[in-house]
Amino acid sequence: MKKIIVSILLFLPLGLAAQEVKIAVVQTQAVFNIMPEVSAMESEMATIQQQYQSQFKVMQDEYTRKYSELSAQGDTLNENIRMLRLQEIQDIQQRLENFAPMAQEQIKKKQDELLAPIESKIQKAIKEVGEENGYTYILNPAACLYTGNAAIDATEKVKAKLGLK
């Protein structure tokens, strides 16, 4: 019995080595760039960035206006009023300093939210193409140090699976 098990274990690697290994590459960036969802995402991101820029401009204008008013009135103001207005200007300045990192964080969060379904769609198409064509591995050539001539370029098949030209 031991001899049979040992024989099976010895020949098992030979059987696995005999299986054909099919390696394909997919240029995911090329697929990503032509997807219609990407232009819609870019448009939405541009709108969001514009909204944050507009809000920042409003806050900046308010700061400039209040600072100019305080400078123009200078010594004519009562000390208490002057201190209140100075505090108000400092509050606006603090809001301006906090606004940029908060806006960047919100923009990044929205971008990730919009990218997720696009990336998922590409991954699903790559998986389906791999299963349909019997590929053992599908690699992204941008992430590889070297892909030889033996690799099959499956980019067009993934584009076709997604209905892209």
Protein backbone atom coordinates (compact mmCIF):
# COMPACT_ATOMS: atom_id res chain seq x y z
CA MET A 1 0.00 0.00 0.00
CA LYS A 2 2.84 2.38 0.86
CA LYS A 3 4.42 1.72 -2.52
CA ILE A 4 1.23 2.72 -4.33
CA ILE A 5 0.93 5.97 -2.37
CA VAL A 6 4.59 6.80 -2.92
CA SER A 7 4.24 6.05 -6.65
CA ILE A 8 1.20 8.32 -6.91
CA LEU A 9 3.00 11.09 -5.06
CA LEU A 10 6.02 10.75 -7.36
CA PHE A 11 3.98 10.90 -10.56
CA LEU A 12 1.55 13.60 -9.39
CA PRO A 13 3.97 16.47 -10.10
CA LEU A 14 4.59 15.09 -13.58
CA GLY A 15 0.88 15.14 -14.29
CA LEU A 16 0.58 18.71 -13.10
CA ALA A 17 3.58 19.78 -15.15
CA ALA A 18 2.01 18.27 -18.24
CA GLN A 19 -0.92 20.66 -18.01
CA GLU A 20 -0.70 23.56 -20.42
CA VAL A 21 -0.03 26.94 -18.84
CA LYS A 22 -1.58 29.77 -20.80
CA ILE A 23 -0.49 33.25 -19.81
CA ALA A 24 -2.23 36.33 -21.12
CA VAL A 25 -1.72 40.02 -20.60
CA VAL A 26 -4.35 42.73 -20.47
CA GLN A 27 -3.46 46.39 -20.66
CA THR A 28 -6.02 47.52 -18.11
CA GLN A 29 -5.14 51.20 -18.49
CA ALA A 30 -5.96 51.03 -22.21
CA VAL A 31 -9.31 49.40 -21.39
CA PHE A 32 -10.01 51.89 -18.60
CA ASN A 33 -9.26 54.91 -20.79
CA ILE A 34 -11.90 54.07 -23.39
CA MET A 35 -14.74 53.15 -21.07
CA PRO A 36 -17.68 55.60 -21.28
CA GLU A 37 -18.09 55.46 -17.51
CA VAL A 38 -14.66 57.07 -17.13
CA SER A 39 -15.62 60.25 -19.00
CA ALA A 40 -18.80 60.49 -16.92
CA MET A 41 -16.73 60.04 -13.75
CA GLU A 42 -14.23 62.69 -14.86
CA SER A 43 -17.04 65.10 -15.61
CA GLU A 44 -18.61 64.53 -12.20
CA MET A 45 -15.23 64.93 -10.50
CA ALA A 46 -14.61 68.21 -12.35
CA THR A 47 -18.00 69.50 -11.15
CA ILE A 48 -17.24 68.54 -7.56
CA GLN A 49 -13.80 70.16 -7.69
CA GLN A 50 -15.34 73.31 -9.14
CA GLN A 51 -17.86 73.43 -6.30
CA TYR A 52 -15.09 73.19 -3.70
CA GLN A 53 -13.05 75.84 -5.51
CA SER A 54 -16.06 78.16 -5.59
CA GLN A 55 -16.69 77.67 -1.89
CA PHE A 56 -13.02 78.34 -1.14
CA LYS A 57 -13.15 81.53 -3.25
CA VAL A 58 -16.21 82.75 -1.33
CA MET A 59 -14.42 82.17 1.96
CA GLN A 60 -11.26 83.85 0.68
CA ASP A 61 -13.23 86.87 -0.56
CA GLU A 62 -14.96 87.16 2.81
CA TYR A 63 -11.59 87.08 4.57
CA THR A 64 -10.12 89.72 2.25
CA ARG A 65 -13.17 91.97 2.59
CA LYS A 66 -13.26 91.81 6.38
CA TYR A 67 -9.51 92.29 6.66
CA SER A 68 -9.67 95.32 4.35
CA GLU A 69 -12.55 96.81 6.34
CA LEU A 70 -10.67 96.38 9.60
CA SER A 71 -7.52 97.88 8.13
CA ALA A 72 -9.43 100.82 6.68
CA GLN A 73 -11.20 101.61 9.94
CA GLY A 74 -7.98 101.11 11.87
CA ASP A 75 -7.79 103.20 15.01
CA THR A 76 -11.28 104.67 14.70
CA LEU A 77 -12.90 101.54 16.14
CA ASN A 78 -13.59 100.94 19.78
CA GLU A 79 -11.05 98.43 21.17
CA ASN A 80 -13.77 95.83 21.98
CA ILE A 81 -15.26 96.01 18.49
CA ARG A 82 -11.81 95.88 16.95
CA MET A 83 -10.97 92.72 18.98
CA LEU A 84 -14.29 91.10 17.95
CA ARG A 85 -13.62 91.78 14.28
CA LEU A 86 -10.05 90.57 14.59
CA GLN A 87 -11.35 87.35 16.18
CA GLU A 88 -13.86 87.01 13.35
CA ILE A 89 -11.04 87.35 10.80
CA GLN A 90 -8.98 84.74 12.63
CA ASP A 91 -11.95 82.37 12.63
CA ILE A 92 -12.31 82.78 8.87
CA GLN A 93 -8.59 82.19 8.44
CA GLN A 94 -8.84 78.99 10.49
CA ARG A 95 -11.77 77.79 8.38
CA LEU A 96 -9.72 78.48 5.24
CA GLU A 97 -6.80 76.44 6.60
CA ASN A 98 -9.09 73.53 7.51
CA PHE A 99 -11.03 73.67 4.26
CA ALA A 100 -8.30 72.51 1.85
CA PRO A 101 -7.46 69.19 3.58
CA MET A 102 -11.15 68.47 4.18
CA ALA A 103 -11.97 69.19 0.53
CA GLN A 104 -9.13 66.97 -0.70
CA GLU A 105 -10.31 64.15 1.54
CA GLN A 106 -13.90 64.46 0.28
CA ILE A 107 -12.75 64.59 -3.35
CA LYS A 108 -10.60 61.48 -2.88
CA LYS A 109 -13.47 59.66 -1.18
CA LYS A 110 -15.84 60.50 -4.04
CA GLN A 111 -13.25 59.49 -6.64
CA ASP A 112 -12.76 56.12 -4.95
CA GLU A 113 -16.54 55.69 -4.80
CA LEU A 114 -16.87 56.38 -8.53
CA LEU A 115 -13.86 54.25 -9.51
CA ALA A 116 -14.92 51.13 -7.62
CA PRO A 117 -17.70 49.99 -9.99
CA ILE A 118 -15.54 50.70 -13.06
CA GLU A 119 -12.63 48.68 -11.69
CA SER A 120 -15.01 45.92 -10.65
CA LYS A 121 -16.48 45.80 -14.15
CA ILE A 122 -13.00 45.49 -15.70
CA GLN A 123 -12.00 42.76 -13.24
CA LYS A 124 -15.19 40.82 -13.96
CA ALA A 125 -14.58 41.02 -17.71
CA ILE A 126 -10.95 39.89 -17.27
CA LYS A 127 -12.09 36.93 -15.18
CA GLU A 128 -14.73 35.93 -17.74
CA VAL A 129 -12.23 36.17 -20.61
CA GLY A 130 -9.77 34.08 -18.60
CA GLU A 131 -12.35 31.40 -17.91
CA GLU A 132 -13.66 31.35 -21.49
CA ASN A 133 -10.18 31.05 -23.01
CA GLY A 134 -8.61 28.77 -20.41
CA TYR A 135 -5.89 31.18 -19.33
CA THR A 136 -3.93 30.11 -16.29
CA TYR A 137 -2.76 33.64 -15.52
CA ILE A 138 -3.74 37.08 -16.77
CA LEU A 139 -1.20 39.77 -16.00
CA ASN A 140 -1.09 43.51 -16.35
CA PRO A 141 2.11 44.24 -18.31
CA ALA A 142 2.47 47.61 -16.56
CA ALA A 143 2.92 45.77 -13.25
CA CYS A 144 5.36 43.17 -14.63
CA LEU A 145 9.07 43.58 -15.03
CA TYR A 146 9.06 41.44 -18.16
CA THR A 147 6.51 39.63 -20.28
CA GLY A 148 7.90 37.43 -23.00
CA ASN A 149 6.53 36.75 -26.45
CA ALA A 150 4.73 33.64 -25.17
CA ALA A 151 2.11 35.74 -23.38
CA ILE A 152 -1.15 36.23 -25.24
CA ASP A 153 -2.49 39.78 -25.44
CA ALA A 154 -6.11 39.47 -24.30
CA THR A 155 -6.77 43.22 -24.20
CA GLU A 156 -9.01 43.14 -27.29
CA LYS A 157 -11.02 40.24 -25.87
CA VAL A 158 -11.63 42.17 -22.65
CA LYS A 159 -12.63 45.25 -24.66
CA ALA A 160 -15.05 43.10 -26.65
CA LYS A 161 -16.46 41.59 -23.45
CA LEU A 162 -17.15 45.14 -22.21
CA GLY A 163 -18.62 46.17 -25.58
CA LEU A 164 -15.80 48.63 -26.29
CA LYS A 165 -13.96 49.29 -29.54
